[in-house]
């Protein structure tokens, strides 16, 4: 038991020395407030400036002039004459009647069959 107490004391001492020690910083000093002094005497008066040039102001507007006379209307031109109508042409002669064609043969009953094949 003697050794166990000694061993426990050694472990406690190592544990306490291994801890980080916190450094306490002193509080910051209060800021210094600067108070301005009294105002100085007024400065001297400046020199007077030069006078600017004078700008002419236009006078009032004059009266409106009289309206001019209206011009005469121009004369209307004459209408042109109508041209003469041309003569009517002659009617052509009637053509002769064509001759009658010859009569074909009377059809046969029960005849041959004809097949027409178009050319290519």
C-alpha atoms as a PDB file:
ATOM      1  CA  UNK A   1       0.000   0.000   0.000  1.00  0.00           C
ATOM      2  CA  UNK A   2       2.920   2.218   0.581  1.00  0.00           C
ATOM      3  CA  UNK A   3       3.971   1.965  -3.042  1.00  0.00           C
ATOM      4  CA  UNK A   4       0.497   2.504  -4.415  1.00  0.00           C
ATOM      5  CA  UNK A   5       0.077   5.789  -2.532  1.00  0.00           C
ATOM      6  CA  UNK A   6       3.456   6.936  -3.752  1.00  0.00           C
ATOM      7  CA  UNK A   7       2.586   5.967  -7.313  1.00  0.00           C
ATOM      8  CA  UNK A   8      -0.787   7.806  -7.125  1.00  0.00           C
ATOM      9  CA  UNK A   9       0.942  10.948  -5.822  1.00  0.00           C
ATOM     10  CA  UNK A  10       3.453  10.791  -8.684  1.00  0.00           C
ATOM     11  CA  UNK A  11       0.713  10.456 -11.315  1.00  0.00           C
ATOM     12  CA  UNK A  12      -1.215  13.371  -9.751  1.00  0.00           C
ATOM     13  CA  UNK A  13       1.895  15.537  -9.756  1.00  0.00           C
ATOM     14  CA  UNK A  14       2.587  14.778 -13.466  1.00  0.00           C
ATOM     15  CA  UNK A  15      -1.057  15.481 -14.328  1.00  0.00           C
ATOM     16  CA  UNK A  16      -1.050  18.842 -12.602  1.00  0.00           C
ATOM     17  CA  UNK A  17       2.267  19.984 -14.070  1.00  0.00           C
ATOM     18  CA  UNK A  18       1.234  18.978 -17.581  1.00  0.00           C
ATOM     19  CA  UNK A  19      -1.786  21.347 -17.494  1.00  0.00           C
ATOM     20  CA  UNK A  20      -1.381  24.610 -19.370  1.00  0.00           C
ATOM     21  CA  UNK A  21      -1.154  27.646 -17.169  1.00  0.00           C
ATOM     22  CA  UNK A  22      -3.421  30.505 -18.256  1.00  0.00           C
ATOM     23  CA  UNK A  23      -1.861  33.958 -18.364  1.00  0.00           C
ATOM     24  CA  UNK A  24      -4.160  36.760 -17.247  1.00  0.00           C
ATOM     25  CA  UNK A  25      -3.640  40.029 -19.187  1.00  0.00           C
ATOM     26  CA  UNK A  26      -4.250  43.326 -17.398  1.00  0.00           C
ATOM     27  CA  UNK A  27      -7.282  45.311 -18.636  1.00  0.00           C
ATOM     28  CA  UNK A  28      -6.651  47.835 -21.425  1.00  0.00           C
ATOM     29  CA  UNK A  29      -6.231  51.464 -20.496  1.00  0.00           C
ATOM     30  CA  UNK A  30      -9.206  53.795 -21.102  1.00  0.00           C
ATOM     31  CA  UNK A  31      -8.943  55.774 -24.392  1.00  0.00           C
ATOM     32  CA  UNK A  32      -7.805  59.368 -24.139  1.00  0.00           C
ATOM     33  CA  UNK A  33     -10.398  61.897 -25.350  1.00  0.00           C
ATOM     34  CA  UNK A  34      -8.950  65.098 -26.821  1.00  0.00           C
ATOM     35  CA  UNK A  35     -11.114  68.182 -26.296  1.00  0.00           C
ATOM     36  CA  UNK A  36     -10.578  71.040 -28.804  1.00  0.00           C
ATOM     37  CA  UNK A  37      -9.575  74.451 -27.488  1.00  0.00           C
ATOM     38  CA  UNK A  38     -11.409  77.752 -27.968  1.00  0.00           C
ATOM     39  CA  UNK A  39     -11.906  79.245 -31.485  1.00  0.00           C
ATOM     40  CA  UNK A  40      -9.302  81.705 -32.810  1.00  0.00           C
ATOM     41  CA  UNK A  41      -9.948  85.311 -33.960  1.00  0.00           C
ATOM     42  CA  UNK A  42     -11.865  85.948 -37.246  1.00  0.00           C
ATOM     43  CA  UNK A  43      -9.804  86.373 -40.459  1.00  0.00           C
ATOM     44  CA  UNK A  44      -9.475  89.589 -42.499  1.00  0.00           C
ATOM     45  CA  UNK A  45     -12.205  90.525 -45.051  1.00  0.00           C
ATOM     46  CA  UNK A  46     -11.420  89.530 -48.658  1.00  0.00           C
ATOM     47  CA  UNK A  47     -11.105  91.971 -51.601  1.00  0.00           C
ATOM     48  CA  UNK A  48     -14.244  92.955 -53.590  1.00  0.00           C
ATOM     49  CA  UNK A  49     -14.687  91.113 -56.916  1.00  0.00           C
ATOM     50  CA  UNK A  50     -14.942  92.855 -60.327  1.00  0.00           C
ATOM     51  CA  UNK A  51     -18.339  93.706 -61.847  1.00  0.00           C
ATOM     52  CA  UNK A  52     -19.482  91.416 -64.694  1.00  0.00           C
ATOM     53  CA  UNK A  53     -20.477  92.647 -68.190  1.00  0.00           C
ATOM     54  CA  UNK A  54     -24.058  93.807 -68.800  1.00  0.00           C
ATOM     55  CA  UNK A  55     -26.289  91.517 -70.900  1.00  0.00           C
ATOM     56  CA  UNK A  56     -28.804  93.257 -73.201  1.00  0.00           C
ATOM     57  CA  UNK A  57     -32.403  92.144 -72.698  1.00  0.00           C
ATOM     58  CA  UNK A  58     -34.435  91.941 -75.946  1.00  0.00           C
ATOM     59  CA  UNK A  59     -37.419  94.293 -76.265  1.00  0.00           C
ATOM     60  CA  UNK A  60     -41.069  93.242 -76.660  1.00  0.00           C
ATOM     61  CA  UNK A  61     -42.250  91.478 -79.837  1.00  0.00           C
ATOM     62  CA  UNK A  62     -43.576  93.742 -82.614  1.00  0.00           C
ATOM     63  CA  UNK A  63     -47.125  93.675 -84.009  1.00  0.00           C
ATOM     64  CA  UNK A  64     -48.108  90.985 -86.530  1.00  0.00           C
ATOM     65  CA  UNK A  65     -48.152  92.134 -90.180  1.00  0.00           C
ATOM     66  CA  UNK A  66     -51.314  92.288 -92.331  1.00  0.00           C
ATOM     67  CA  UNK A  67     -52.418  89.218 -94.317  1.00  0.00           C
ATOM     68  CA  UNK A  68     -51.751  89.407 -98.094  1.00  0.00           C
ATOM     69  CA  UNK A  69     -54.528  89.420-100.749  1.00  0.00           C
ATOM     70  CA  UNK A  70     -55.771  86.144-102.219  1.00  0.00           C
ATOM     71  CA  UNK A  71     -54.704  85.439-105.838  1.00  0.00           C
ATOM     72  CA  UNK A  72     -57.142  84.988-108.783  1.00  0.00           C
ATOM     73  CA  UNK A  73     -58.385  81.541-109.802  1.00  0.00           C
ATOM     74  CA  UNK A  74     -57.055  80.293-113.143  1.00  0.00           C
ATOM     75  CA  UNK A  75     -59.402  79.690-116.147  1.00  0.00           C
ATOM     76  CA  UNK A  76     -60.514  76.144-116.940  1.00  0.00           C
ATOM     77  CA  UNK A  77     -59.182  74.754-120.236  1.00  0.00           C
ATOM     78  CA  UNK A  78     -61.539  73.779-123.105  1.00  0.00           C
ATOM     79  CA  UNK A  79     -62.599  70.157-123.615  1.00  0.00           C
ATOM     80  CA  UNK A  80     -61.182  68.455-126.715  1.00  0.00           C
ATOM     81  CA  UNK A  81     -63.453  67.310-129.602  1.00  0.00           C
ATOM     82  CA  UNK A  82     -64.540  63.678-130.001  1.00  0.00           C
ATOM     83  CA  UNK A  83     -62.852  61.842-132.863  1.00  0.00           C
ATOM     84  CA  UNK A  84     -64.860  60.502-135.862  1.00  0.00           C
ATOM     85  CA  UNK A  85     -66.108  56.899-135.882  1.00  0.00           C
ATOM     86  CA  UNK A  86     -64.472  54.549-138.398  1.00  0.00           C
ATOM     87  CA  UNK A  87     -66.459  52.815-141.170  1.00  0.00           C
ATOM     88  CA  UNK A  88     -67.830  49.272-140.715  1.00  0.00           C
ATOM     89  CA  UNK A  89     -66.127  46.523-142.720  1.00  0.00           C
ATOM     90  CA  UNK A  90     -67.890  44.325-145.375  1.00  0.00           C
ATOM     91  CA  UNK A  91     -69.473  41.006-144.444  1.00  0.00           C
ATOM     92  CA  UNK A  92     -67.660  38.055-145.982  1.00  0.00           C
ATOM     93  CA  UNK A  93     -69.363  35.629-148.463  1.00  0.00           C
ATOM     94  CA  UNK A  94     -70.875  32.367-147.185  1.00  0.00           C
ATOM     95  CA  UNK A  95     -68.832  29.284-148.069  1.00  0.00           C
ATOM     96  CA  UNK A  96     -70.168  26.430-150.292  1.00  0.00           C
ATOM     97  CA  UNK A  97     -71.657  23.319-148.718  1.00  0.00           C
ATOM     98  CA  UNK A  98     -69.397  20.258-148.792  1.00  0.00           C
ATOM     99  CA  UNK A  99     -70.250  17.061-150.708  1.00  0.00           C
ATOM    100  CA  UNK A 100     -71.939  14.144-148.914  1.00  0.00           C
ATOM    101  CA  UNK A 101     -69.749  11.138-148.141  1.00  0.00           C
ATOM    102  CA  UNK A 102     -70.363   7.714-149.691  1.00  0.00           C
ATOM    103  CA  UNK A 103     -72.555   5.270-147.819  1.00  0.00           C
ATOM    104  CA  UNK A 104     -70.957   2.331-146.056  1.00  0.00           C
ATOM    105  CA  UNK A 105     -71.936  -1.341-146.323  1.00  0.00           C
ATOM    106  CA  UNK A 106     -74.675  -2.690-144.155  1.00  0.00           C
ATOM    107  CA  UNK A 107     -73.370  -4.387-141.065  1.00  0.00           C
ATOM    108  CA  UNK A 108     -73.190  -8.186-140.831  1.00  0.00           C
ATOM    109  CA  UNK A 109     -74.503 -10.170-137.915  1.00  0.00           C
ATOM    110  CA  UNK A 110     -72.192 -12.671-136.168  1.00  0.00           C
ATOM    111  CA  UNK A 111     -69.003 -11.369-137.797  1.00  0.00           C
ATOM    112  CA  UNK A 112     -65.337 -11.533-136.831  1.00  0.00           C
ATOM    113  CA  UNK A 113     -63.949  -9.825-133.720  1.00  0.00           C
ATOM    114  CA  UNK A 114     -61.300  -7.130-134.370  1.00  0.00           C
ATOM    115  CA  UNK A 115     -58.764  -6.243-131.615  1.00  0.00           C
ATOM    116  CA  UNK A 116     -56.933  -2.942-131.975  1.00  0.00           C
ATOM    117  CA  UNK A 117     -53.478  -2.800-130.306  1.00  0.00           C
ATOM    118  CA  UNK A 118     -51.953   0.694-130.063  1.00  0.00           C
ATOM    119  CA  UNK A 119     -48.332   1.178-131.192  1.00  0.00           C
ATOM    120  CA  UNK A 120     -45.707   1.949-128.624  1.00  0.00           C
END
